[in-house]
Structure formats: structure tokens, C-alpha cells
């Protein structure tokens, strides 16, 4: 006896013009946090390249973080 396929064809739904469309920004998945120590790797300062610019992340003696653009 052959098994029947489980998949079925579904007709696409029309979205009413009054219903707001989802933008790619609204579909973003929350990113996972990165530990600052993973970035600093024992250093007090790390240089970060972002969109062609150089930023600097540094940790103070009190354990606070400073991001300089």
C-alpha cells in the first residue's frame, strides 16, 4: 500500500488594502547579546569598524563602557 502525500495546495490569501503590510524592519529577529569580554579579549580598548568608520569601545577602571565614534 502506498502512502498518500501529506502536502496540499493552498490558495494564496489576498491582503485587504486596509491591513498594514509588514516591513522587513518589523520582521527582524532579536539579536543575541555578545559579552563585552568577548569583544575586549582582556584588552581595555577595542577598535570597531562600522559602515566604513572606526569606533572605539573602551572599559573604564570602574567597569563602565565608553563608545567613541
PDB file of N, CA and C in Angstrom:
ATOM      1  N   UNK A   1       0.848  -1.178   0.000  1.00  0.00           N
ATOM      2  CA  UNK A   1       0.000   0.000   0.000  1.00  0.00           C
ATOM      3  C   UNK A   1       0.894   1.242   0.000  1.00  0.00           C
ATOM      4  N   UNK A   2       0.576   2.197  -0.858  1.00  0.00           N
ATOM      5  CA  UNK A   2       1.348   3.430  -0.965  1.00  0.00           C
ATOM      6  C   UNK A   2       0.792   4.494  -0.040  1.00  0.00           C
ATOM      7  N   UNK A   3       1.695   5.206   0.617  1.00  0.00           N
ATOM      8  CA  UNK A   3       1.259   6.304   1.489  1.00  0.00           C
ATOM      9  C   UNK A   3       0.884   7.508   0.631  1.00  0.00           C
ATOM     10  N   UNK A   4      -0.175   8.196   1.036  1.00  0.00           N
ATOM     11  CA  UNK A   4      -0.603   9.396   0.317  1.00  0.00           C
ATOM     12  C   UNK A   4       0.240  10.578   0.780  1.00  0.00           C
ATOM     13  N   UNK A   5       0.575  11.482  -0.126  1.00  0.00           N
ATOM     14  CA  UNK A   5       1.341  12.660   0.296  1.00  0.00           C
ATOM     15  C   UNK A   5       0.529  13.513   1.266  1.00  0.00           C
ATOM     16  N   UNK A   6       1.232  14.090   2.235  1.00  0.00           N
ATOM     17  CA  UNK A   6       0.585  14.906   3.262  1.00  0.00           C
ATOM     18  C   UNK A   6       0.405  16.347   2.784  1.00  0.00           C
ATOM     19  N   UNK A   7       1.246  16.796   1.863  1.00  0.00           N
ATOM     20  CA  UNK A   7       1.190  18.183   1.407  1.00  0.00           C
ATOM     21  C   UNK A   7      -0.076  18.446   0.615  1.00  0.00           C
ATOM     22  N   UNK A   8      -0.661  19.617   0.799  1.00  0.00           N
ATOM     23  CA  UNK A   8      -1.791  20.008  -0.025  1.00  0.00           C
ATOM     24  C   UNK A   8      -1.557  21.410  -0.556  1.00  0.00           C
ATOM     25  N   UNK A   9      -2.191  21.706  -1.625  1.00  0.00           N
ATOM     26  CA  UNK A   9      -2.073  23.020  -2.235  1.00  0.00           C
ATOM     27  C   UNK A   9      -3.006  23.981  -1.515  1.00  0.00           C
ATOM     28  N   UNK A  10      -2.480  25.152  -1.203  1.00  0.00           N
ATOM     29  CA  UNK A  10      -3.270  26.173  -0.509  1.00  0.00           C
ATOM     30  C   UNK A  10      -3.326  27.405  -1.397  1.00  0.00           C
ATOM     31  N   UNK A  11      -4.504  27.923  -1.570  1.00  0.00           N
ATOM     32  CA  UNK A  11      -4.679  29.133  -2.372  1.00  0.00           C
ATOM     33  C   UNK A  11      -4.137  30.335  -1.604  1.00  0.00           C
ATOM     34  N   UNK A  12      -3.412  31.241  -2.277  1.00  0.00           N
ATOM     35  CA  UNK A  12      -2.911  32.430  -1.578  1.00  0.00           C
ATOM     36  C   UNK A  12      -4.059  33.336  -1.151  1.00  0.00           C
ATOM     37  N   UNK A  13      -3.898  33.961   0.024  1.00  0.00           N
ATOM     38  CA  UNK A  13      -4.909  34.897   0.531  1.00  0.00           C
ATOM     39  C   UNK A  13      -4.615  36.290   0.011  1.00  0.00           C
ATOM     40  N   UNK A  14      -5.639  37.013  -0.259  1.00  0.00           N
ATOM     41  CA  UNK A  14      -5.470  38.423  -0.610  1.00  0.00           C
ATOM     42  C   UNK A  14      -5.484  39.230   0.683  1.00  0.00           C
ATOM     43  N   UNK A  15      -4.555  40.171   0.780  1.00  0.00           N
ATOM     44  CA  UNK A  15      -4.479  41.030   1.959  1.00  0.00           C
ATOM     45  C   UNK A  15      -5.268  42.296   1.666  1.00  0.00           C
ATOM     46  N   UNK A  16      -6.259  42.609   2.510  1.00  0.00           N
ATOM     47  CA  UNK A  16      -7.043  43.830   2.283  1.00  0.00           C
ATOM     48  C   UNK A  16      -6.143  45.063   2.319  1.00  0.00           C
ATOM     49  N   UNK A  17      -6.457  46.054   1.483  1.00  0.00           N
ATOM     50  CA  UNK A  17      -5.659  47.279   1.426  1.00  0.00           C
ATOM     51  C   UNK A  17      -5.647  47.999   2.765  1.00  0.00           C
ATOM     52  N   UNK A  18      -6.688  47.808   3.576  1.00  0.00           N
ATOM     53  CA  UNK A  18      -6.763  48.487   4.872  1.00  0.00           C
ATOM     54  C   UNK A  18      -5.817  47.866   5.902  1.00  0.00           C
ATOM     55  N   UNK A  19      -5.364  46.646   5.664  1.00  0.00           N
ATOM     56  CA  UNK A  19      -4.477  45.974   6.622  1.00  0.00           C
ATOM     57  C   UNK A  19      -3.040  46.432   6.377  1.00  0.00           C
ATOM     58  N   UNK A  20      -2.342  46.864   7.434  1.00  0.00           N
ATOM     59  CA  UNK A  20      -0.964  47.332   7.245  1.00  0.00           C
ATOM     60  C   UNK A  20      -0.060  46.180   6.807  1.00  0.00           C
ATOM     61  N   UNK A  21       0.849  46.486   5.909  1.00  0.00           N
ATOM     62  CA  UNK A  21       1.800  45.476   5.444  1.00  0.00           C
ATOM     63  C   UNK A  21       2.986  45.432   6.395  1.00  0.00           C
ATOM     64  N   UNK A  22       3.572  44.263   6.528  1.00  0.00           N
ATOM     65  CA  UNK A  22       4.750  44.118   7.369  1.00  0.00           C
ATOM     66  C   UNK A  22       5.974  44.535   6.574  1.00  0.00           C
ATOM     67  N   UNK A  23       6.778  45.381   7.159  1.00  0.00           N
ATOM     68  CA  UNK A  23       8.012  45.797   6.503  1.00  0.00           C
ATOM     69  C   UNK A  23       9.136  44.863   6.942  1.00  0.00           C
ATOM     70  N   UNK A  24      10.229  44.792   6.183  1.00  0.00           N
ATOM     71  CA  UNK A  24      11.354  43.951   6.607  1.00  0.00           C
ATOM     72  C   UNK A  24      11.860  44.324   7.999  1.00  0.00           C
ATOM     73  N   UNK A  25      11.792  45.620   8.355  1.00  0.00           N
ATOM     74  CA  UNK A  25      12.257  46.042   9.677  1.00  0.00           C
ATOM     75  C   UNK A  25      11.402  45.442  10.781  1.00  0.00           C
ATOM     76  N   UNK A  26      10.100  45.274  10.526  1.00  0.00           N
ATOM     77  CA  UNK A  26       9.223  44.723  11.559  1.00  0.00           C
ATOM     78  C   UNK A  26       9.386  43.214  11.694  1.00  0.00           C
ATOM     79  N   UNK A  27      10.057  42.588  10.740  1.00  0.00           N
ATOM     80  CA  UNK A  27      10.258  41.142  10.775  1.00  0.00           C
ATOM     81  C   UNK A  27      11.615  40.757  11.344  1.00  0.00           C
ATOM     82  N   UNK A  28      12.392  41.721  11.786  1.00  0.00           N
ATOM     83  CA  UNK A  28      13.728  41.430  12.313  1.00  0.00           C
ATOM     84  C   UNK A  28      13.644  40.544  13.545  1.00  0.00           C
ATOM     85  N   UNK A  29      14.607  39.677  13.661  1.00  0.00           N
ATOM     86  CA  UNK A  29      14.706  38.790  14.815  1.00  0.00           C
ATOM     87  C   UNK A  29      15.649  39.450  15.812  1.00  0.00           C
ATOM     88  N   UNK A  30      15.263  39.427  17.076  1.00  0.00           N
ATOM     89  CA  UNK A  30      16.124  39.999  18.101  1.00  0.00           C
ATOM     90  C   UNK A  30      17.483  39.316  18.052  1.00  0.00           C
ATOM     91  N   UNK A  31      18.541  40.105  18.119  1.00  0.00           N
ATOM     92  CA  UNK A  31      19.879  39.531  18.088  1.00  0.00           C
ATOM     93  C   UNK A  31      20.278  39.051  19.473  1.00  0.00           C
ATOM     94  N   UNK A  32      21.158  38.091  19.501  1.00  0.00           N
ATOM     95  CA  UNK A  32      21.660  37.567  20.762  1.00  0.00           C
ATOM     96  C   UNK A  32      22.730  38.500  21.299  1.00  0.00           C
ATOM     97  N   UNK A  33      22.779  38.702  22.612  1.00  0.00           N
ATOM     98  CA  UNK A  33      23.801  39.584  23.179  1.00  0.00           C
ATOM     99  C   UNK A  33      25.198  38.988  23.032  1.00  0.00           C
ATOM    100  N   UNK A  34      26.177  39.860  22.862  1.00  0.00           N
ATOM    101  CA  UNK A  34      27.583  39.463  22.802  1.00  0.00           C
ATOM    102  C   UNK A  34      28.237  39.982  24.072  1.00  0.00           C
ATOM    103  N   UNK A  35      28.909  39.124  24.789  1.00  0.00           N
ATOM    104  CA  UNK A  35      29.597  39.542  26.011  1.00  0.00           C
ATOM    105  C   UNK A  35      30.690  40.552  25.664  1.00  0.00           C
ATOM    106  N   UNK A  36      30.787  41.617  26.435  1.00  0.00           N
ATOM    107  CA  UNK A  36      31.810  42.629  26.170  1.00  0.00           C
ATOM    108  C   UNK A  36      33.210  42.029  26.272  1.00  0.00           C
ATOM    109  N   UNK A  37      33.375  41.070  27.151  1.00  0.00           N
ATOM    110  CA  UNK A  37      34.693  40.433  27.289  1.00  0.00           C
ATOM    111  C   UNK A  37      35.085  39.674  26.024  1.00  0.00           C
ATOM    112  N   UNK A  38      34.087  39.185  25.282  1.00  0.00           N
ATOM    113  CA  UNK A  38      34.379  38.513  24.011  1.00  0.00           C
ATOM    114  C   UNK A  38      34.927  39.518  23.003  1.00  0.00           C
ATOM    115  N   UNK A  39      34.470  40.758  23.080  1.00  0.00           N
ATOM    116  CA  UNK A  39      34.987  41.800  22.189  1.00  0.00           C
ATOM    117  C   UNK A  39      36.339  42.320  22.669  1.00  0.00           C
ATOM    118  N   UNK A  40      36.436  42.579  23.965  1.00  0.00           N
ATOM    119  CA  UNK A  40      37.655  43.178  24.512  1.00  0.00           C
ATOM    120  C   UNK A  40      38.812  42.180  24.612  1.00  0.00           C
ATOM    121  N   UNK A  41      38.528  40.912  24.844  1.00  0.00           N
ATOM    122  CA  UNK A  41      39.531  39.844  24.944  1.00  0.00           C
ATOM    123  C   UNK A  41      40.703  40.231  25.845  1.00  0.00           C
ATOM    124  N   UNK A  42      40.376  40.736  27.028  1.00  0.00           N
ATOM    125  CA  UNK A  42      41.411  41.080  28.003  1.00  0.00           C
ATOM    126  C   UNK A  42      42.011  42.466  27.817  1.00  0.00           C
ATOM    127  N   UNK A  43      41.688  43.139  26.741  1.00  0.00           N
ATOM    128  CA  UNK A  43      42.188  44.492  26.492  1.00  0.00           C
ATOM    129  C   UNK A  43      41.231  45.495  27.127  1.00  0.00           C
ATOM    130  N   UNK A  44      41.663  46.724  27.282  1.00  0.00           N
ATOM    131  CA  UNK A  44      40.773  47.756  27.808  1.00  0.00           C
ATOM    132  C   UNK A  44      40.107  48.537  26.671  1.00  0.00           C
ATOM    133  N   UNK A  45      40.655  48.412  25.458  1.00  0.00           N
ATOM    134  CA  UNK A  45      40.127  49.137  24.304  1.00  0.00           C
ATOM    135  C   UNK A  45      40.082  48.215  23.092  1.00  0.00           C
ATOM    136  N   UNK A  46      39.021  48.342  22.304  1.00  0.00           N
ATOM    137  CA  UNK A  46      38.918  47.602  21.047  1.00  0.00           C
ATOM    138  C   UNK A  46      38.433  48.571  19.972  1.00  0.00           C
ATOM    139  N   UNK A  47      38.983  48.428  18.774  1.00  0.00           N
ATOM    140  CA  UNK A  47      38.586  49.259  17.646  1.00  0.00           C
ATOM    141  C   UNK A  47      37.557  48.489  16.832  1.00  0.00           C
ATOM    142  N   UNK A  48      36.457  49.170  16.483  1.00  0.00           N
ATOM    143  CA  UNK A  48      35.363  48.540  15.748  1.00  0.00           C
ATOM    144  C   UNK A  48      35.166  49.294  14.435  1.00  0.00           C
ATOM    145  N   UNK A  49      35.181  48.568  13.325  1.00  0.00           N
ATOM    146  CA  UNK A  49      34.897  49.161  12.022  1.00  0.00           C
ATOM    147  C   UNK A  49      33.406  48.994  11.755  1.00  0.00           C
ATOM    148  N   UNK A  50      32.708  50.108  11.484  1.00  0.00           N
ATOM    149  CA  UNK A  50      31.260  50.071  11.252  1.00  0.00           C
ATOM    150  C   UNK A  50      30.908  51.021  10.116  1.00  0.00           C
ATOM    151  N   UNK A  51      30.378  50.474   9.032  1.00  0.00           N
ATOM    152  CA  UNK A  51      29.975  51.277   7.865  1.00  0.00           C
ATOM    153  C   UNK A  51      31.092  52.198   7.377  1.00  0.00           C
ATOM    154  N   UNK A  52      32.304  51.679   7.337  1.00  0.00           N
ATOM    155  CA  UNK A  52      33.429  52.455   6.828  1.00  0.00           C
ATOM    156  C   UNK A  52      34.016  53.437   7.822  1.00  0.00           C
ATOM    157  N   UNK A  53      33.483  53.490   9.030  1.00  0.00           N
ATOM    158  CA  UNK A  53      34.015  54.383  10.060  1.00  0.00           C
ATOM    159  C   UNK A  53      34.614  53.554  11.184  1.00  0.00           C
ATOM    160  N   UNK A  54      35.536  54.150  11.913  1.00  0.00           N
ATOM    161  CA  UNK A  54      36.192  53.473  13.025  1.00  0.00           C
ATOM    162  C   UNK A  54      35.631  54.011  14.335  1.00  0.00           C
ATOM    163  N   UNK A  55      35.125  53.126  15.176  1.00  0.00           N
ATOM    164  CA  UNK A  55      34.648  53.466  16.517  1.00  0.00           C
ATOM    165  C   UNK A  55      35.572  52.794  17.519  1.00  0.00           C
ATOM    166  N   UNK A  56      35.543  53.279  18.748  1.00  0.00           N
ATOM    167  CA  UNK A  56      36.385  52.696  19.792  1.00  0.00           C
ATOM    168  C   UNK A  56      35.533  52.381  21.014  1.00  0.00           C
ATOM    169  N   UNK A  57      35.624  51.152  21.484  1.00  0.00           N
ATOM    170  CA  UNK A  57      34.944  50.725  22.705  1.00  0.00           C
ATOM    171  C   UNK A  57      36.006  50.541  23.767  1.00  0.00           C
ATOM    172  N   UNK A  58      35.830  51.221  24.887  1.00  0.00           N
ATOM    173  CA  UNK A  58      36.805  51.062  25.969  1.00  0.00           C
ATOM    174  C   UNK A  58      36.100  50.832  27.294  1.00  0.00           C
ATOM    175  N   UNK A  59      36.793  50.133  28.172  1.00  0.00           N
ATOM    176  CA  UNK A  59      36.272  49.853  29.507  1.00  0.00           C
ATOM    177  C   UNK A  59      37.052  50.706  30.505  1.00  0.00           C
ATOM    178  N   UNK A  60      36.323  51.371  31.401  1.00  0.00           N
ATOM    179  CA  UNK A  60      36.981  52.204  32.408  1.00  0.00           C
ATOM    180  C   UNK A  60      37.447  51.347  33.577  1.00  0.00           C
ATOM    181  N   UNK A  61      38.194  51.966  34.477  1.00  0.00           N
ATOM    182  CA  UNK A  61      38.653  51.239  35.677  1.00  0.00           C
ATOM    183  C   UNK A  61      37.492  50.794  36.550  1.00  0.00           C
ATOM    184  N   UNK A  62      36.361  51.495  36.462  1.00  0.00           N
ATOM    185  CA  UNK A  62      35.183  51.143  37.257  1.00  0.00           C
ATOM    186  C   UNK A  62      34.287  50.123  36.548  1.00  0.00           C
ATOM    187  N   UNK A  63      34.715  49.651  35.366  1.00  0.00           N
ATOM    188  CA  UNK A  63      33.953  48.635  34.652  1.00  0.00           C
ATOM    189  C   UNK A  63      32.866  49.184  33.745  1.00  0.00           C
ATOM    190  N   UNK A  64      32.841  50.504  33.572  1.00  0.00           N
ATOM    191  CA  UNK A  64      31.853  51.095  32.661  1.00  0.00           C
ATOM    192  C   UNK A  64      32.408  51.065  31.241  1.00  0.00           C
ATOM    193  N   UNK A  65      31.501  51.200  30.248  1.00  0.00           N
ATOM    194  CA  UNK A  65      31.914  51.154  28.861  1.00  0.00           C
ATOM    195  C   UNK A  65      31.713  52.508  28.211  1.00  0.00           C
ATOM    196  N   UNK A  66      32.651  52.872  27.352  1.00  0.00           N
ATOM    197  CA  UNK A  66      32.562  54.122  26.602  1.00  0.00           C
ATOM    198  C   UNK A  66      32.726  53.776  25.128  1.00  0.00           C
ATOM    199  N   UNK A  67      31.747  54.187  24.304  1.00  0.00           N
ATOM    200  CA  UNK A  67      31.833  54.003  22.863  1.00  0.00           C
ATOM    201  C   UNK A  67      32.083  55.368  22.244  1.00  0.00           C
ATOM    202  N   UNK A  68      33.230  55.518  21.594  1.00  0.00           N
ATOM    203  CA  UNK A  68      33.607  56.776  20.966  1.00  0.00           C
ATOM    204  C   UNK A  68      33.508  56.614  19.461  1.00  0.00           C
ATOM    205  N   UNK A  69      32.784  57.523  18.839  1.00  0.00           N
ATOM    206  CA  UNK A  69      32.624  57.472  17.374  1.00  0.00           C
ATOM    207  C   UNK A  69      33.572  58.429  16.718  1.00  0.00           C
TER     208      UNK A  69
END
